[in-house]
C-alpha cells in the first residue's frame, strides 16, 4: 500500500473553503445607515451638561450617558505611529477611554479603555486596527469616502474597575460595531473572516 505524501495530495483531498463575504456598495451604505440612525438617537438623548456662569460647558462628564465621543477633538487614526503631539502625552502614562470614529459617516466604530497611555496600547496587536484597515479597504474599493479618526477622553476614572465599567456602558449605549459585544446587532462585516 502506498502512503500519501503530505504535500502531494490529489485535489479531491484539498480542503474547500467557502468564499469570504464582502459587502456590496449598497449593502455597505445600508449597514452604515442603520448604525448611524441608531447612534443619532443616542446622541439626541445625551443629557445636557451643566454650564458655568460664563456659559461654557463643564469638561467633565459624571456618567457615561453625558459623554459624547463626537464632541472630542479628533486625531489621526494612526496616532500611535506619530511622534507629535503624542510625545508629551506619552510621558503622562495615564489611562483613558478612546474612540474610533468615521467622521464622514458620523459613526462611532469602536470604544476602548486603557490604563496605559493610548499610544502604548495601540502599538502592539489590536484587532481593531485590522477592522479599520478592512473598513477603509472596502471604502476605497467602492470609491466611497471614509474619514477614520481617533478621539480620547482623559478624564476617565483611573481605577481599572471603574474604567472598564465606563467602557462597557459606552459600548452598549452606542453599540459600536467593531466591539465584539455589538456584533449581535451589526454582524461582523470587517472581522477576521471578512474582506
C-alpha atoms as a PDB file:
ATOM      1  CA  UNK A   1       0.000   0.000   0.000  1.00  0.00           C
ATOM      2  CA  UNK A   2       1.350   3.383  -0.987  1.00  0.00           C
ATOM      3  CA  UNK A   3       1.464   6.134   1.656  1.00  0.00           C
ATOM      4  CA  UNK A   4       0.237   9.574   0.591  1.00  0.00           C
ATOM      5  CA  UNK A   5       2.744  12.378   0.900  1.00  0.00           C
ATOM      6  CA  UNK A   6       1.563  15.393   2.841  1.00  0.00           C
ATOM      7  CA  UNK A   7       2.133  17.930   0.046  1.00  0.00           C
ATOM      8  CA  UNK A   8       1.245  15.709  -2.916  1.00  0.00           C
ATOM      9  CA  UNK A   9      -2.430  15.237  -2.154  1.00  0.00           C
ATOM     10  CA  UNK A  10      -4.816  14.966  -5.096  1.00  0.00           C
ATOM     11  CA  UNK A  11      -7.198  17.898  -5.488  1.00  0.00           C
ATOM     12  CA  UNK A  12     -10.085  15.798  -4.126  1.00  0.00           C
ATOM     13  CA  UNK A  13      -8.342  15.785  -0.725  1.00  0.00           C
ATOM     14  CA  UNK A  14      -7.857  19.536  -0.544  1.00  0.00           C
ATOM     15  CA  UNK A  15      -9.977  21.484   1.879  1.00  0.00           C
ATOM     16  CA  UNK A  16     -12.639  23.501   0.136  1.00  0.00           C
ATOM     17  CA  UNK A  17     -13.088  26.870   1.834  1.00  0.00           C
ATOM     18  CA  UNK A  18     -16.225  28.902   1.261  1.00  0.00           C
ATOM     19  CA  UNK A  19     -15.597  32.289  -0.324  1.00  0.00           C
ATOM     20  CA  UNK A  20     -15.351  35.168   2.115  1.00  0.00           C
ATOM     21  CA  UNK A  21     -18.288  37.502   2.064  1.00  0.00           C
ATOM     22  CA  UNK A  22     -17.796  41.120   1.098  1.00  0.00           C
ATOM     23  CA  UNK A  23     -20.478  43.758   1.364  1.00  0.00           C
ATOM     24  CA  UNK A  24     -21.657  45.207  -1.924  1.00  0.00           C
ATOM     25  CA  UNK A  25     -21.648  49.022  -2.248  1.00  0.00           C
ATOM     26  CA  UNK A  26     -25.366  49.118  -1.460  1.00  0.00           C
ATOM     27  CA  UNK A  27     -25.011  46.770   1.494  1.00  0.00           C
ATOM     28  CA  UNK A  28     -22.154  48.857   2.877  1.00  0.00           C
ATOM     29  CA  UNK A  29     -24.230  52.038   2.671  1.00  0.00           C
ATOM     30  CA  UNK A  30     -27.265  50.312   4.230  1.00  0.00           C
ATOM     31  CA  UNK A  31     -25.112  48.927   7.073  1.00  0.00           C
ATOM     32  CA  UNK A  32     -23.646  52.369   7.781  1.00  0.00           C
ATOM     33  CA  UNK A  33     -27.092  53.984   7.619  1.00  0.00           C
ATOM     34  CA  UNK A  34     -28.508  51.543  10.212  1.00  0.00           C
ATOM     35  CA  UNK A  35     -25.613  52.165  12.610  1.00  0.00           C
ATOM     36  CA  UNK A  36     -25.736  55.934  12.076  1.00  0.00           C
ATOM     37  CA  UNK A  37     -29.513  56.094  12.666  1.00  0.00           C
ATOM     38  CA  UNK A  38     -29.152  54.265  15.974  1.00  0.00           C
ATOM     39  CA  UNK A  39     -26.219  56.429  17.094  1.00  0.00           C
ATOM     40  CA  UNK A  40     -28.012  59.665  16.116  1.00  0.00           C
ATOM     41  CA  UNK A  41     -30.773  58.629  18.511  1.00  0.00           C
ATOM     42  CA  UNK A  42     -28.169  58.042  21.267  1.00  0.00           C
ATOM     43  CA  UNK A  43     -26.654  61.432  20.640  1.00  0.00           C
ATOM     44  CA  UNK A  44     -30.050  63.130  20.875  1.00  0.00           C
ATOM     45  CA  UNK A  45     -30.579  61.528  24.300  1.00  0.00           C
ATOM     46  CA  UNK A  46     -27.351  62.874  25.836  1.00  0.00           C
ATOM     47  CA  UNK A  47     -28.097  64.831  28.967  1.00  0.00           C
ATOM     48  CA  UNK A  48     -27.002  68.449  28.619  1.00  0.00           C
ATOM     49  CA  UNK A  49     -24.006  69.214  30.804  1.00  0.00           C
ATOM     50  CA  UNK A  50     -24.098  71.871  33.452  1.00  0.00           C
ATOM     51  CA  UNK A  51     -22.825  75.212  32.239  1.00  0.00           C
ATOM     52  CA  UNK A  52     -20.904  77.745  34.249  1.00  0.00           C
ATOM     53  CA  UNK A  53     -21.945  81.316  34.878  1.00  0.00           C
ATOM     54  CA  UNK A  54     -19.946  82.295  31.795  1.00  0.00           C
ATOM     55  CA  UNK A  55     -21.817  79.853  29.568  1.00  0.00           C
ATOM     56  CA  UNK A  56     -19.055  77.325  28.987  1.00  0.00           C
ATOM     57  CA  UNK A  57     -19.645  73.603  29.337  1.00  0.00           C
ATOM     58  CA  UNK A  58     -18.048  71.678  32.132  1.00  0.00           C
ATOM     59  CA  UNK A  59     -15.323  69.444  30.622  1.00  0.00           C
ATOM     60  CA  UNK A  60     -16.129  66.572  32.974  1.00  0.00           C
ATOM     61  CA  UNK A  61     -18.864  64.065  32.278  1.00  0.00           C
ATOM     62  CA  UNK A  62     -20.068  62.499  35.518  1.00  0.00           C
ATOM     63  CA  UNK A  63     -21.620  59.442  33.844  1.00  0.00           C
ATOM     64  CA  UNK A  64     -21.246  57.583  30.533  1.00  0.00           C
ATOM     65  CA  UNK A  65     -24.619  58.996  29.479  1.00  0.00           C
ATOM     66  CA  UNK A  66     -23.133  62.510  29.418  1.00  0.00           C
ATOM     67  CA  UNK A  67     -20.093  61.673  27.303  1.00  0.00           C
ATOM     68  CA  UNK A  68     -20.383  62.489  23.592  1.00  0.00           C
ATOM     69  CA  UNK A  69     -17.446  60.915  21.709  1.00  0.00           C
ATOM     70  CA  UNK A  70     -18.272  63.013  18.642  1.00  0.00           C
ATOM     71  CA  UNK A  71     -17.555  66.225  20.567  1.00  0.00           C
ATOM     72  CA  UNK A  72     -13.969  65.219  21.489  1.00  0.00           C
ATOM     73  CA  UNK A  73     -11.007  66.561  19.470  1.00  0.00           C
ATOM     74  CA  UNK A  74     -10.128  64.270  16.573  1.00  0.00           C
ATOM     75  CA  UNK A  75      -6.659  62.819  15.968  1.00  0.00           C
ATOM     76  CA  UNK A  76      -5.199  60.719  13.199  1.00  0.00           C
ATOM     77  CA  UNK A  77      -6.306  57.082  13.172  1.00  0.00           C
ATOM     78  CA  UNK A  78      -2.576  56.273  13.014  1.00  0.00           C
ATOM     79  CA  UNK A  79      -1.738  58.358  16.084  1.00  0.00           C
ATOM     80  CA  UNK A  80       0.480  55.635  17.611  1.00  0.00           C
ATOM     81  CA  UNK A  81       2.918  55.977  14.691  1.00  0.00           C
ATOM     82  CA  UNK A  82       3.305  59.738  15.018  1.00  0.00           C
ATOM     83  CA  UNK A  83       5.707  61.480  17.334  1.00  0.00           C
ATOM     84  CA  UNK A  84       3.791  64.742  17.785  1.00  0.00           C
ATOM     85  CA  UNK A  85       1.679  65.663  19.711  1.00  0.00           C
ATOM     86  CA  UNK A  86       1.935  62.247  21.336  1.00  0.00           C
ATOM     87  CA  UNK A  87       5.431  62.677  22.753  1.00  0.00           C
ATOM     88  CA  UNK A  88       4.088  64.920  25.530  1.00  0.00           C
ATOM     89  CA  UNK A  89       1.104  62.690  26.197  1.00  0.00           C
ATOM     90  CA  UNK A  90       3.269  59.552  26.239  1.00  0.00           C
ATOM     91  CA  UNK A  91       5.150  60.798  29.270  1.00  0.00           C
ATOM     92  CA  UNK A  92       1.908  61.159  31.239  1.00  0.00           C
ATOM     93  CA  UNK A  93       1.374  57.370  31.365  1.00  0.00           C
ATOM     94  CA  UNK A  94      -2.278  57.932  32.094  1.00  0.00           C
ATOM     95  CA  UNK A  95      -5.147  55.738  31.079  1.00  0.00           C
ATOM     96  CA  UNK A  96      -8.103  56.899  29.087  1.00  0.00           C
ATOM     97  CA  UNK A  97     -11.154  55.936  27.131  1.00  0.00           C
ATOM     98  CA  UNK A  98     -10.557  56.025  23.404  1.00  0.00           C
ATOM     99  CA  UNK A  99     -12.872  56.044  20.417  1.00  0.00           C
ATOM    100  CA  UNK A 100     -12.543  55.280  16.720  1.00  0.00           C
ATOM    101  CA  UNK A 101     -14.922  57.296  14.573  1.00  0.00           C
ATOM    102  CA  UNK A 102     -15.725  57.721  10.900  1.00  0.00           C
ATOM    103  CA  UNK A 103     -16.289  61.487  10.720  1.00  0.00           C
ATOM    104  CA  UNK A 104     -17.515  61.238   7.128  1.00  0.00           C
ATOM    105  CA  UNK A 105     -20.440  58.985   8.103  1.00  0.00           C
ATOM    106  CA  UNK A 106     -20.833  60.196  11.728  1.00  0.00           C
ATOM    107  CA  UNK A 107     -20.222  56.687  13.072  1.00  0.00           C
ATOM    108  CA  UNK A 108     -18.675  55.611  16.344  1.00  0.00           C
ATOM    109  CA  UNK A 109     -16.925  52.404  15.297  1.00  0.00           C
ATOM    110  CA  UNK A 110     -15.067  51.361  18.458  1.00  0.00           C
ATOM    111  CA  UNK A 111     -14.847  52.126  22.177  1.00  0.00           C
ATOM    112  CA  UNK A 112     -11.846  51.049  24.249  1.00  0.00           C
ATOM    113  CA  UNK A 113     -10.071  51.684  27.516  1.00  0.00           C
ATOM    114  CA  UNK A 114      -6.501  51.503  28.661  1.00  0.00           C
ATOM    115  CA  UNK A 115      -4.637  52.071  31.888  1.00  0.00           C
ATOM    116  CA  UNK A 116      -1.517  52.532  29.769  1.00  0.00           C
ATOM    117  CA  UNK A 117      -1.137  55.546  27.571  1.00  0.00           C
ATOM    118  CA  UNK A 118      -3.238  55.199  24.417  1.00  0.00           C
ATOM    119  CA  UNK A 119      -0.126  55.112  22.270  1.00  0.00           C
ATOM    120  CA  UNK A 120       1.345  52.190  24.243  1.00  0.00           C
ATOM    121  CA  UNK A 121      -1.939  50.272  23.963  1.00  0.00           C
ATOM    122  CA  UNK A 122      -2.174  50.668  20.188  1.00  0.00           C
ATOM    123  CA  UNK A 123       1.477  49.961  19.359  1.00  0.00           C
ATOM    124  CA  UNK A 124       1.011  46.233  19.920  1.00  0.00           C
ATOM    125  CA  UNK A 125      -1.514  43.818  18.484  1.00  0.00           C
ATOM    126  CA  UNK A 126      -5.033  45.193  18.424  1.00  0.00           C
ATOM    127  CA  UNK A 127      -7.855  43.596  16.412  1.00  0.00           C
ATOM    128  CA  UNK A 128      -9.449  46.996  15.898  1.00  0.00           C
ATOM    129  CA  UNK A 129      -6.511  48.058  13.706  1.00  0.00           C
ATOM    130  CA  UNK A 130      -7.376  45.190  11.349  1.00  0.00           C
ATOM    131  CA  UNK A 131     -11.068  46.140  11.340  1.00  0.00           C
ATOM    132  CA  UNK A 132     -10.151  49.729  10.470  1.00  0.00           C
ATOM    133  CA  UNK A 133      -7.944  48.587   7.587  1.00  0.00           C
ATOM    134  CA  UNK A 134     -10.684  46.313   6.204  1.00  0.00           C
ATOM    135  CA  UNK A 135     -13.265  49.075   6.613  1.00  0.00           C
ATOM    136  CA  UNK A 136     -11.077  51.554   4.730  1.00  0.00           C
ATOM    137  CA  UNK A 137     -10.141  48.977   2.086  1.00  0.00           C
ATOM    138  CA  UNK A 138     -13.796  48.329   1.285  1.00  0.00           C
ATOM    139  CA  UNK A 139     -14.498  52.065   1.045  1.00  0.00           C
ATOM    140  CA  UNK A 140     -11.528  52.529  -1.312  1.00  0.00           C
ATOM    141  CA  UNK A 141     -12.628  49.559  -3.417  1.00  0.00           C
ATOM    142  CA  UNK A 142     -16.007  51.233  -3.989  1.00  0.00           C
ATOM    143  CA  UNK A 143     -14.590  54.762  -4.180  1.00  0.00           C
ATOM    144  CA  UNK A 144     -16.677  55.824  -1.172  1.00  0.00           C
ATOM    145  CA  UNK A 145     -15.500  58.444   1.330  1.00  0.00           C
ATOM    146  CA  UNK A 146     -14.421  57.499   4.860  1.00  0.00           C
ATOM    147  CA  UNK A 147     -12.532  59.627   7.383  1.00  0.00           C
ATOM    148  CA  UNK A 148     -11.456  57.426  10.283  1.00  0.00           C
ATOM    149  CA  UNK A 149     -10.121  59.305  13.304  1.00  0.00           C
ATOM    150  CA  UNK A 150      -9.374  58.641  16.965  1.00  0.00           C
ATOM    151  CA  UNK A 151     -10.578  60.604  19.978  1.00  0.00           C
ATOM    152  CA  UNK A 152      -9.562  60.355  23.622  1.00  0.00           C
ATOM    153  CA  UNK A 153     -11.231  61.165  26.921  1.00  0.00           C
ATOM    154  CA  UNK A 154      -8.507  61.521  29.539  1.00  0.00           C
ATOM    155  CA  UNK A 155     -10.786  62.464  32.448  1.00  0.00           C
ATOM    156  CA  UNK A 156     -11.879  58.824  32.776  1.00  0.00           C
ATOM    157  CA  UNK A 157     -11.752  57.160  36.194  1.00  0.00           C
ATOM    158  CA  UNK A 158      -8.261  55.896  36.968  1.00  0.00           C
ATOM    159  CA  UNK A 159      -9.059  52.610  38.705  1.00  0.00           C
ATOM    160  CA  UNK A 160      -9.361  49.622  36.351  1.00  0.00           C
ATOM    161  CA  UNK A 161     -12.795  48.509  37.557  1.00  0.00           C
ATOM    162  CA  UNK A 162     -14.388  51.925  37.014  1.00  0.00           C
ATOM    163  CA  UNK A 163     -12.609  52.367  33.698  1.00  0.00           C
ATOM    164  CA  UNK A 164     -13.952  49.032  32.438  1.00  0.00           C
ATOM    165  CA  UNK A 165     -17.430  49.898  33.719  1.00  0.00           C
ATOM    166  CA  UNK A 166     -17.428  53.142  31.727  1.00  0.00           C
ATOM    167  CA  UNK A 167     -16.115  51.331  28.647  1.00  0.00           C
ATOM    168  CA  UNK A 168     -18.813  48.649  28.810  1.00  0.00           C
ATOM    169  CA  UNK A 169     -21.592  51.181  29.387  1.00  0.00           C
ATOM    170  CA  UNK A 170     -20.418  53.242  26.409  1.00  0.00           C
ATOM    171  CA  UNK A 171     -20.094  50.168  24.153  1.00  0.00           C
ATOM    172  CA  UNK A 172     -23.619  49.029  24.953  1.00  0.00           C
ATOM    173  CA  UNK A 173     -25.059  52.529  24.771  1.00  0.00           C
ATOM    174  CA  UNK A 174     -23.580  53.398  21.359  1.00  0.00           C
ATOM    175  CA  UNK A 175     -23.458  49.798  20.030  1.00  0.00           C
ATOM    176  CA  UNK A 176     -20.098  50.478  18.413  1.00  0.00           C
ATOM    177  CA  UNK A 177     -19.883  47.867  15.629  1.00  0.00           C
ATOM    178  CA  UNK A 178     -16.185  46.953  15.930  1.00  0.00           C
ATOM    179  CA  UNK A 179     -16.641  45.906  19.580  1.00  0.00           C
ATOM    180  CA  UNK A 180     -17.460  42.190  19.841  1.00  0.00           C
ATOM    181  CA  UNK A 181     -20.271  42.915  22.317  1.00  0.00           C
ATOM    182  CA  UNK A 182     -22.176  44.579  19.461  1.00  0.00           C
ATOM    183  CA  UNK A 183     -21.754  42.004  16.693  1.00  0.00           C
ATOM    184  CA  UNK A 184     -25.196  40.647  17.622  1.00  0.00           C
ATOM    185  CA  UNK A 185     -26.740  43.861  16.254  1.00  0.00           C
ATOM    186  CA  UNK A 186     -24.467  44.727  13.322  1.00  0.00           C
ATOM    187  CA  UNK A 187     -22.752  41.475  12.364  1.00  0.00           C
ATOM    188  CA  UNK A 188     -19.021  41.326  11.795  1.00  0.00           C
ATOM    189  CA  UNK A 189     -18.500  42.533   8.212  1.00  0.00           C
ATOM    190  CA  UNK A 190     -14.950  43.755   8.950  1.00  0.00           C
ATOM    191  CA  UNK A 191     -13.860  40.943  11.252  1.00  0.00           C
ATOM    192  CA  UNK A 192     -11.171  38.358  10.713  1.00  0.00           C
ATOM    193  CA  UNK A 193     -13.203  36.369   8.158  1.00  0.00           C
ATOM    194  CA  UNK A 194     -14.396  39.333   6.115  1.00  0.00           C
ATOM    195  CA  UNK A 195     -12.881  41.003   3.051  1.00  0.00           C
END
